[in-house]
Amino acid sequence: PYFSPDLGEQAREETLRLLEHLVFDTASDFRTLMTTRTTFVTRRLAGLYGVAAPSVDTFAQVTLPEDGARAGLLGHASVLSLHASPNRSSPTLRGVFVRERLLCQHMPSPPANVDTTIPEGSEDAPTMRERLEVPLESPSCAGCHLLTDLIGLSLENFDGMGGFRATENGAIIDVTGSLDGTDFEDAVGLGQAIADHPSFVPCLVSTLWSYANGRSVMNSEAAQLSAFASRLAHNEHRLVALLEDIVMSE
């Protein structure tokens, strides 16, 4: 009920401005996208994030609190609200985003006859973690949900719009999680786990290569992409260096 079209537009612009800042203004290690406390907010976004509002009604660079729950791309309302249900958060959708878009791991669609409806909160299951226990334990569902939900549940401190909350239905939200053997305590830890994940940089290379060529990556290009990733590491993971390599390739 608190969402509005202008907030969606401003959230999208926040993410684009941060990318421009990291890639072009500061030439930063691209992996800091997942962990940085720097972002760009309007008064509307500042209110949502609980930070001091800019003095004028335009975008301003701010530093999020070091002890806060929000950091990096996964703290952006653009990502959090886009990968949510119309009236609530969705650990599954957010987990799929991490797997498919940030790590380039394919996630199959649920079987056609599976009921994906999540029950409403109750006294016995006040938080999303309790309400997802059935798909996490069901043999027909657990294969995928264990891959996605243990990621997405660590983002449950953020509601469907991206606003912070410490409780749901009066119960403390447990935001611990795990990503391919790396355990973490909260959303900030998840961002660090993704930045350190061995698939994050190769996924970035593959995605940009595919986008630049307007087609899917071919199996015969694996060696080329591996060389790009190695050069990116040599250039301190500065994205401009990768863009130059792609443009100058045969």
C-alpha atoms as a PDB file:
ATOM      1  CA  PRO A   1       0.000   0.000   0.000  1.00  0.00           C
ATOM      2  CA  TYR A   2       2.977   2.372   0.384  1.00  0.00           C
ATOM      3  CA  PHE A   3       4.421   1.712  -3.061  1.00  0.00           C
ATOM      4  CA  SER A   4       4.039   4.209  -5.906  1.00  0.00           C
ATOM      5  CA  PRO A   5       5.225   4.499  -9.519  1.00  0.00           C
ATOM      6  CA  ASP A   6       7.668   7.269  -8.649  1.00  0.00           C
ATOM      7  CA  LEU A   7       9.343   5.069  -6.040  1.00  0.00           C
ATOM      8  CA  GLY A   8       9.862   2.337  -8.626  1.00  0.00           C
ATOM      9  CA  GLU A   9      11.441   4.807 -11.045  1.00  0.00           C
ATOM     10  CA  GLN A  10      13.691   6.252  -8.346  1.00  0.00           C
ATOM     11  CA  ALA A  11      14.745   2.787  -7.161  1.00  0.00           C
ATOM     12  CA  ARG A  12      15.785   1.837 -10.690  1.00  0.00           C
ATOM     13  CA  GLU A  13      17.737   5.073 -11.060  1.00  0.00           C
ATOM     14  CA  GLU A  14      19.489   4.467  -7.721  1.00  0.00           C
ATOM     15  CA  THR A  15      20.903   1.185  -9.005  1.00  0.00           C
ATOM     16  CA  LEU A  16      22.004   2.697 -12.318  1.00  0.00           C
ATOM     17  CA  ARG A  17      23.722   5.602 -10.538  1.00  0.00           C
ATOM     18  CA  LEU A  18      25.594   3.268  -8.217  1.00  0.00           C
ATOM     19  CA  LEU A  19      26.803   1.191 -11.162  1.00  0.00           C
ATOM     20  CA  GLU A  20      27.965   4.318 -12.990  1.00  0.00           C
ATOM     21  CA  HIS A  21      29.744   5.482  -9.832  1.00  0.00           C
ATOM     22  CA  LEU A  22      31.584   2.181  -9.282  1.00  0.00           C
ATOM     23  CA  VAL A  23      32.419   1.500 -12.920  1.00  0.00           C
ATOM     24  CA  PHE A  24      33.273   4.929 -14.302  1.00  0.00           C
ATOM     25  CA  ASP A  25      33.679   7.471 -11.502  1.00  0.00           C
ATOM     26  CA  THR A  26      35.831   5.446  -9.105  1.00  0.00           C
ATOM     27  CA  ALA A  27      36.900   2.472 -11.286  1.00  0.00           C
ATOM     28  CA  SER A  28      36.308   0.226  -8.295  1.00  0.00           C
ATOM     29  CA  ASP A  29      36.630  -3.525  -7.975  1.00  0.00           C
ATOM     30  CA  PHE A  30      33.266  -4.566  -9.433  1.00  0.00           C
ATOM     31  CA  ARG A  31      32.719  -7.097  -6.656  1.00  0.00           C
ATOM     32  CA  THR A  32      32.180  -4.193  -4.242  1.00  0.00           C
ATOM     33  CA  LEU A  33      28.764  -3.806  -5.912  1.00  0.00           C
ATOM     34  CA  MET A  34      27.632  -6.534  -3.525  1.00  0.00           C
ATOM     35  CA  THR A  35      29.084  -5.015  -0.349  1.00  0.00           C
ATOM     36  CA  THR A  36      29.348  -1.225  -0.682  1.00  0.00           C
ATOM     37  CA  ARG A  37      27.656   1.055   1.838  1.00  0.00           C
ATOM     38  CA  THR A  38      27.575   3.860  -0.739  1.00  0.00           C
ATOM     39  CA  THR A  39      24.375   4.536  -2.641  1.00  0.00           C
ATOM     40  CA  PHE A  40      22.290   7.356  -4.131  1.00  0.00           C
ATOM     41  CA  VAL A  41      18.910   8.320  -2.714  1.00  0.00           C
ATOM     42  CA  THR A  42      16.093  10.801  -3.065  1.00  0.00           C
ATOM     43  CA  ARG A  43      13.963  11.961  -0.143  1.00  0.00           C
ATOM     44  CA  ARG A  44      11.520   9.144  -0.953  1.00  0.00           C
ATOM     45  CA  LEU A  45      14.235   6.474  -0.937  1.00  0.00           C
ATOM     46  CA  ALA A  46      15.864   7.976   2.158  1.00  0.00           C
ATOM     47  CA  GLY A  47      12.588   7.578   4.004  1.00  0.00           C
ATOM     48  CA  LEU A  48      12.322   3.956   2.914  1.00  0.00           C
ATOM     49  CA  TYR A  49      15.930   3.238   3.946  1.00  0.00           C
ATOM     50  CA  GLY A  50      15.800   5.182   7.205  1.00  0.00           C
ATOM     51  CA  VAL A  51      18.688   7.540   6.384  1.00  0.00           C
ATOM     52  CA  ALA A  52      18.928  11.329   6.423  1.00  0.00           C
ATOM     53  CA  ALA A  53      17.082  12.859   3.479  1.00  0.00           C
ATOM     54  CA  PRO A  54      18.927  15.023   0.908  1.00  0.00           C
ATOM     55  CA  SER A  55      18.549  18.756   1.360  1.00  0.00           C
ATOM     56  CA  VAL A  56      17.040  19.049  -2.129  1.00  0.00           C
ATOM     57  CA  ASP A  57      14.556  16.752  -3.837  1.00  0.00           C
ATOM     58  CA  THR A  58      17.037  15.053  -6.134  1.00  0.00           C
ATOM     59  CA  PHE A  59      19.548  12.231  -5.906  1.00  0.00           C
ATOM     60  CA  ALA A  60      22.374  12.563  -3.415  1.00  0.00           C
ATOM     61  CA  GLN A  61      25.230  10.245  -2.536  1.00  0.00           C
ATOM     62  CA  VAL A  62      24.961   8.802   0.963  1.00  0.00           C
ATOM     63  CA  THR A  63      26.793   6.264   3.109  1.00  0.00           C
ATOM     64  CA  LEU A  64      24.567   3.673   4.723  1.00  0.00           C
ATOM     65  CA  PRO A  65      25.246   2.867   8.417  1.00  0.00           C
ATOM     66  CA  GLU A  66      28.133   0.427   8.906  1.00  0.00           C
ATOM     67  CA  ASP A  67      26.125  -1.530  11.443  1.00  0.00           C
ATOM     68  CA  GLY A  68      22.956  -1.513   9.328  1.00  0.00           C
ATOM     69  CA  ALA A  69      21.297  -4.427   7.570  1.00  0.00           C
ATOM     70  CA  ARG A  70      21.470  -2.842   4.109  1.00  0.00           C
ATOM     71  CA  ALA A  71      24.516  -2.966   1.826  1.00  0.00           C
ATOM     72  CA  GLY A  72      25.258  -3.428  -1.843  1.00  0.00           C
ATOM     73  CA  LEU A  73      22.950  -4.417  -4.674  1.00  0.00           C
ATOM     74  CA  LEU A  74      20.839  -6.737  -2.524  1.00  0.00           C
ATOM     75  CA  GLY A  75      19.896  -3.796  -0.309  1.00  0.00           C
ATOM     76  CA  HIS A  76      18.394  -1.866  -3.213  1.00  0.00           C
ATOM     77  CA  ALA A  77      14.627  -1.476  -3.374  1.00  0.00           C
ATOM     78  CA  SER A  78      14.881  -2.114  -7.130  1.00  0.00           C
ATOM     79  CA  VAL A  79      16.055  -5.690  -6.610  1.00  0.00           C
ATOM     80  CA  LEU A  80      14.046  -6.400  -3.465  1.00  0.00           C
ATOM     81  CA  SER A  81      10.714  -5.169  -4.827  1.00  0.00           C
ATOM     82  CA  LEU A  82      11.148  -6.631  -8.308  1.00  0.00           C
ATOM     83  CA  HIS A  83      11.773 -10.093  -6.887  1.00  0.00           C
ATOM     84  CA  ALA A  84       8.782 -10.220  -4.561  1.00  0.00           C
ATOM     85  CA  SER A  85       5.113 -11.093  -4.691  1.00  0.00           C
ATOM     86  CA  PRO A  86       2.559  -8.294  -5.135  1.00  0.00           C
ATOM     87  CA  ASN A  87       1.779  -8.158  -1.415  1.00  0.00           C
ATOM     88  CA  ARG A  88       4.750  -9.754   0.355  1.00  0.00           C
ATOM     89  CA  SER A  89       8.388 -10.726   0.100  1.00  0.00           C
ATOM     90  CA  SER A  90       9.444 -13.884  -1.743  1.00  0.00           C
ATOM     91  CA  PRO A  91      12.557 -15.752  -0.577  1.00  0.00           C
ATOM     92  CA  THR A  92      12.198 -18.093  -3.560  1.00  0.00           C
ATOM     93  CA  LEU A  93      12.129 -15.344  -6.197  1.00  0.00           C
ATOM     94  CA  ARG A  94      15.033 -13.542  -4.547  1.00  0.00           C
ATOM     95  CA  GLY A  95      17.007 -16.783  -4.328  1.00  0.00           C
ATOM     96  CA  VAL A  96      16.333 -17.518  -8.002  1.00  0.00           C
ATOM     97  CA  PHE A  97      17.615 -14.036  -8.887  1.00  0.00           C
ATOM     98  CA  VAL A  98      20.903 -14.709  -7.097  1.00  0.00           C
ATOM     99  CA  ARG A  99      21.304 -18.150  -8.643  1.00  0.00           C
ATOM    100  CA  GLU A 100      20.365 -17.247 -12.212  1.00  0.00           C
ATOM    101  CA  ARG A 101      21.424 -13.620 -12.643  1.00  0.00           C
ATOM    102  CA  LEU A 102      24.436 -13.274 -10.365  1.00  0.00           C
ATOM    103  CA  LEU A 103      25.881 -16.808 -10.528  1.00  0.00           C
ATOM    104  CA  CYS A 104      24.514 -17.986 -13.939  1.00  0.00           C
ATOM    105  CA  GLN A 105      23.123 -21.191 -12.469  1.00  0.00           C
ATOM    106  CA  HIS A 106      20.029 -22.610 -14.172  1.00  0.00           C
ATOM    107  CA  MET A 107      16.993 -23.223 -11.976  1.00  0.00           C
ATOM    108  CA  PRO A 108      14.236 -25.476 -13.347  1.00  0.00           C
ATOM    109  CA  SER A 109      10.590 -24.411 -13.217  1.00  0.00           C
ATOM    110  CA  PRO A 110       8.365 -26.056 -10.592  1.00  0.00           C
ATOM    111  CA  PRO A 111       6.301 -29.060 -11.712  1.00  0.00           C
ATOM    112  CA  ALA A 112       3.010 -28.016 -13.307  1.00  0.00           C
ATOM    113  CA  ASN A 113       0.895 -29.754 -10.670  1.00  0.00           C
ATOM    114  CA  VAL A 114       2.609 -28.232  -7.623  1.00  0.00           C
ATOM    115  CA  ASP A 115       0.725 -25.692  -5.526  1.00  0.00           C
ATOM    116  CA  THR A 116       3.127 -22.779  -5.010  1.00  0.00           C
ATOM    117  CA  THR A 117       0.769 -20.822  -2.741  1.00  0.00           C
ATOM    118  CA  ILE A 118       2.397 -19.777   0.538  1.00  0.00           C
ATOM    119  CA  PRO A 119       0.017 -19.776   3.523  1.00  0.00           C
ATOM    120  CA  GLU A 120      -0.627 -16.621   5.504  1.00  0.00           C
ATOM    121  CA  GLY A 121       1.229 -16.073   8.765  1.00  0.00           C
ATOM    122  CA  SER A 122      -0.252 -17.731  11.835  1.00  0.00           C
ATOM    123  CA  GLU A 123       0.544 -18.199  15.496  1.00  0.00           C
ATOM    124  CA  ASP A 124       2.299 -21.469  14.690  1.00  0.00           C
ATOM    125  CA  ALA A 125       4.105 -20.094  11.620  1.00  0.00           C
ATOM    126  CA  PRO A 126       4.519 -16.329  12.020  1.00  0.00           C
ATOM    127  CA  THR A 127       7.566 -15.826   9.782  1.00  0.00           C
ATOM    128  CA  MET A 128       8.273 -16.878   6.222  1.00  0.00           C
ATOM    129  CA  ARG A 129      10.918 -19.363   7.380  1.00  0.00           C
ATOM    130  CA  GLU A 130       8.298 -21.427   9.239  1.00  0.00           C
ATOM    131  CA  ARG A 131       5.843 -21.174   6.353  1.00  0.00           C
ATOM    132  CA  LEU A 132       8.436 -22.513   3.918  1.00  0.00           C
ATOM    133  CA  GLU A 133       9.240 -25.585   5.989  1.00  0.00           C
ATOM    134  CA  VAL A 134       6.898 -27.746   3.875  1.00  0.00           C
ATOM    135  CA  PRO A 135       8.594 -27.119   0.498  1.00  0.00           C
ATOM    136  CA  LEU A 136      12.012 -27.323   2.151  1.00  0.00           C
ATOM    137  CA  GLU A 137      11.197 -30.780   3.517  1.00  0.00           C
ATOM    138  CA  SER A 138       9.059 -32.177   0.688  1.00  0.00           C
ATOM    139  CA  PRO A 139      11.096 -34.549  -1.551  1.00  0.00           C
ATOM    140  CA  SER A 140       9.457 -33.186  -4.721  1.00  0.00           C
ATOM    141  CA  CYS A 141      10.226 -29.560  -3.807  1.00  0.00           C
ATOM    142  CA  ALA A 142      13.349 -29.558  -1.666  1.00  0.00           C
ATOM    143  CA  GLY A 143      15.780 -30.080  -4.550  1.00  0.00           C
ATOM    144  CA  CYS A 144      15.179 -26.546  -5.814  1.00  0.00           C
ATOM    145  CA  HIS A 145      13.964 -24.800  -2.677  1.00  0.00           C
ATOM    146  CA  LEU A 146      17.092 -25.697  -0.728  1.00  0.00           C
ATOM    147  CA  LEU A 147      19.085 -23.938  -3.453  1.00  0.00           C
ATOM    148  CA  THR A 148      16.975 -20.785  -3.478  1.00  0.00           C
ATOM    149  CA  ASP A 149      15.197 -20.306  -0.160  1.00  0.00           C
ATOM    150  CA  LEU A 150      18.239 -20.545   2.093  1.00  0.00           C
ATOM    151  CA  ILE A 151      19.515 -17.547   0.122  1.00  0.00           C
ATOM    152  CA  GLY A 152      16.272 -15.615  -0.045  1.00  0.00           C
ATOM    153  CA  LEU A 153      15.431 -16.100   3.627  1.00  0.00           C
ATOM    154  CA  SER A 154      18.500 -14.060   4.533  1.00  0.00           C
ATOM    155  CA  LEU A 155      16.781 -11.096   2.817  1.00  0.00           C
ATOM    156  CA  GLU A 156      13.623 -11.410   4.921  1.00  0.00           C
ATOM    157  CA  ASN A 157      14.569  -8.330   6.957  1.00  0.00           C
ATOM    158  CA  PHE A 158      13.287  -6.497   3.868  1.00  0.00           C
ATOM    159  CA  ASP A 159       9.598  -6.574   3.039  1.00  0.00           C
ATOM    160  CA  GLY A 160       8.126  -6.791  -0.446  1.00  0.00           C
ATOM    161  CA  MET A 161       8.890  -3.123  -1.104  1.00  0.00           C
ATOM    162  CA  GLY A 162      12.400  -3.217   0.333  1.00  0.00           C
ATOM    163  CA  GLY A 163      11.671  -1.551   3.669  1.00  0.00           C
ATOM    164  CA  PHE A 164      13.455  -2.857   6.759  1.00  0.00           C
ATOM    165  CA  ARG A 165      11.682  -4.926   9.397  1.00  0.00           C
ATOM    166  CA  ALA A 166      13.087  -6.872  12.327  1.00  0.00           C
ATOM    167  CA  THR A 167       9.923  -8.861  13.041  1.00  0.00           C
ATOM    168  CA  GLU A 168       7.050 -10.454  11.176  1.00  0.00           C
ATOM    169  CA  ASN A 169       3.724 -11.013  12.904  1.00  0.00           C
ATOM    170  CA  GLY A 170       5.459 -10.203  16.190  1.00  0.00           C
ATOM    171  CA  ALA A 171       8.201 -12.838  15.792  1.00  0.00           C
ATOM    172  CA  ILE A 172      11.920 -12.118  15.353  1.00  0.00           C
ATOM    173  CA  ILE A 173      13.010 -12.889  11.769  1.00  0.00           C
ATOM    174  CA  ASP A 174      15.867 -15.367  11.435  1.00  0.00           C
ATOM    175  CA  VAL A 175      18.049 -14.191   8.524  1.00  0.00           C
ATOM    176  CA  THR A 176      20.891 -16.690   8.745  1.00  0.00           C
ATOM    177  CA  GLY A 177      21.590 -18.540   5.527  1.00  0.00           C
ATOM    178  CA  SER A 178      23.984 -20.567   3.423  1.00  0.00           C
ATOM    179  CA  LEU A 179      25.335 -20.328  -0.121  1.00  0.00           C
ATOM    180  CA  ASP A 180      27.144 -23.368  -1.523  1.00  0.00           C
ATOM    181  CA  GLY A 181      28.881 -24.206   1.746  1.00  0.00           C
ATOM    182  CA  THR A 182      29.375 -20.644   2.967  1.00  0.00           C
ATOM    183  CA  ASP A 183      27.243 -19.784   5.995  1.00  0.00           C
ATOM    184  CA  PHE A 184      26.370 -16.183   6.842  1.00  0.00           C
ATOM    185  CA  GLU A 185      24.387 -14.263   9.427  1.00  0.00           C
ATOM    186  CA  ASP A 186      22.365 -11.787   7.371  1.00  0.00           C
ATOM    187  CA  ALA A 187      21.902  -9.978   4.053  1.00  0.00           C
ATOM    188  CA  VAL A 188      25.269  -8.226   4.379  1.00  0.00           C
ATOM    189  CA  GLY A 189      26.947 -11.599   4.787  1.00  0.00           C
ATOM    190  CA  LEU A 190      25.092 -12.907   1.745  1.00  0.00           C
ATOM    191  CA  GLY A 191      26.437 -10.023  -0.337  1.00  0.00           C
ATOM    192  CA  GLN A 192      29.979 -10.851   0.740  1.00  0.00           C
ATOM    193  CA  ALA A 193      29.416 -14.555   0.003  1.00  0.00           C
ATOM    194  CA  ILE A 194      28.286 -13.701  -3.538  1.00  0.00           C
ATOM    195  CA  ALA A 195      31.242 -11.348  -4.088  1.00  0.00           C
ATOM    196  CA  ASP A 196      33.585 -14.169  -3.036  1.00  0.00           C
ATOM    197  CA  HIS A 197      31.745 -16.921  -4.931  1.00  0.00           C
ATOM    198  CA  PRO A 198      33.825 -18.562  -7.699  1.00  0.00           C
ATOM    199  CA  SER A 199      30.915 -18.205 -10.160  1.00  0.00           C
ATOM    200  CA  PHE A 200      30.280 -14.480  -9.677  1.00  0.00           C
ATOM    201  CA  VAL A 201      33.045 -13.087 -11.890  1.00  0.00           C
ATOM    202  CA  PRO A 202      32.690 -15.742 -14.660  1.00  0.00           C
ATOM    203  CA  CYS A 203      28.941 -15.036 -14.670  1.00  0.00           C
ATOM    204  CA  LEU A 204      29.600 -11.321 -15.089  1.00  0.00           C
ATOM    205  CA  VAL A 205      31.961 -12.028 -17.995  1.00  0.00           C
ATOM    206  CA  SER A 206      29.512 -14.410 -19.652  1.00  0.00           C
ATOM    207  CA  THR A 207      26.571 -12.043 -19.247  1.00  0.00           C
ATOM    208  CA  LEU A 208      28.386  -9.039 -20.726  1.00  0.00           C
ATOM    209  CA  TRP A 209      29.793 -11.133 -23.595  1.00  0.00           C
ATOM    210  CA  SER A 210      26.327 -12.478 -24.407  1.00  0.00           C
ATOM    211  CA  TYR A 211      24.788  -9.005 -24.235  1.00  0.00           C
ATOM    212  CA  ALA A 212      27.500  -7.449 -26.419  1.00  0.00           C
ATOM    213  CA  ASN A 213      27.048 -10.111 -29.099  1.00  0.00           C
ATOM    214  CA  GLY A 214      23.266 -10.267 -28.897  1.00  0.00           C
ATOM    215  CA  ARG A 215      23.246 -14.042 -28.542  1.00  0.00           C
ATOM    216  CA  SER A 216      23.927 -16.873 -26.124  1.00  0.00           C
ATOM    217  CA  VAL A 217      27.481 -17.900 -25.314  1.00  0.00           C
ATOM    218  CA  MET A 218      28.790 -20.691 -27.545  1.00  0.00           C
ATOM    219  CA  ASN A 219      30.641 -23.705 -26.127  1.00  0.00           C
ATOM    220  CA  SER A 220      33.598 -22.909 -28.378  1.00  0.00           C
ATOM    221  CA  GLU A 221      34.027 -19.544 -26.587  1.00  0.00           C
ATOM    222  CA  ALA A 222      34.778 -21.016 -23.160  1.00  0.00           C
ATOM    223  CA  ALA A 223      38.526 -20.444 -23.474  1.00  0.00           C
ATOM    224  CA  GLN A 224      37.979 -16.847 -24.578  1.00  0.00           C
ATOM    225  CA  LEU A 225      35.732 -16.109 -21.615  1.00  0.00           C
ATOM    226  CA  SER A 226      38.193 -17.735 -19.234  1.00  0.00           C
ATOM    227  CA  ALA A 227      40.911 -15.467 -20.616  1.00  0.00           C
ATOM    228  CA  PHE A 228      38.645 -12.441 -20.108  1.00  0.00           C
ATOM    229  CA  ALA A 229      38.065 -13.456 -16.473  1.00  0.00           C
ATOM    230  CA  SER A 230      41.795 -13.859 -15.873  1.00  0.00           C
ATOM    231  CA  ARG A 231      42.548 -10.446 -17.346  1.00  0.00           C
ATOM    232  CA  LEU A 232      39.744  -8.923 -15.298  1.00  0.00           C
ATOM    233  CA  ALA A 233      41.348 -10.290 -12.121  1.00  0.00           C
ATOM    234  CA  HIS A 234      44.734  -8.954 -13.285  1.00  0.00           C
ATOM    235  CA  ASN A 235      43.118  -5.526 -13.737  1.00  0.00           C
ATOM    236  CA  GLU A 236      41.779  -5.546 -10.163  1.00  0.00           C
ATOM    237  CA  HIS A 237      38.274  -6.452 -11.364  1.00  0.00           C
ATOM    238  CA  ARG A 238      37.700  -3.027 -12.910  1.00  0.00           C
ATOM    239  CA  LEU A 239      34.764  -3.413 -15.288  1.00  0.00           C
ATOM    240  CA  VAL A 240      36.055  -0.884 -17.798  1.00  0.00           C
ATOM    241  CA  ALA A 241      38.992  -3.219 -18.481  1.00  0.00           C
ATOM    242  CA  LEU A 242      36.580  -6.046 -19.305  1.00  0.00           C
ATOM    243  CA  LEU A 243      34.489  -3.799 -21.536  1.00  0.00           C
ATOM    244  CA  GLU A 244      37.647  -2.824 -23.445  1.00  0.00           C
ATOM    245  CA  ASP A 245      38.652  -6.459 -23.860  1.00  0.00           C
ATOM    246  CA  ILE A 246      35.239  -7.387 -25.225  1.00  0.00           C
ATOM    247  CA  VAL A 247      35.121  -4.474 -27.644  1.00  0.00           C
ATOM    248  CA  MET A 248      38.651  -5.101 -28.917  1.00  0.00           C
ATOM    249  CA  SER A 249      38.224  -8.860 -29.361  1.00  0.00           C
ATOM    250  CA  GLU A 250      37.983 -10.293 -32.871  1.00  0.00           C
END
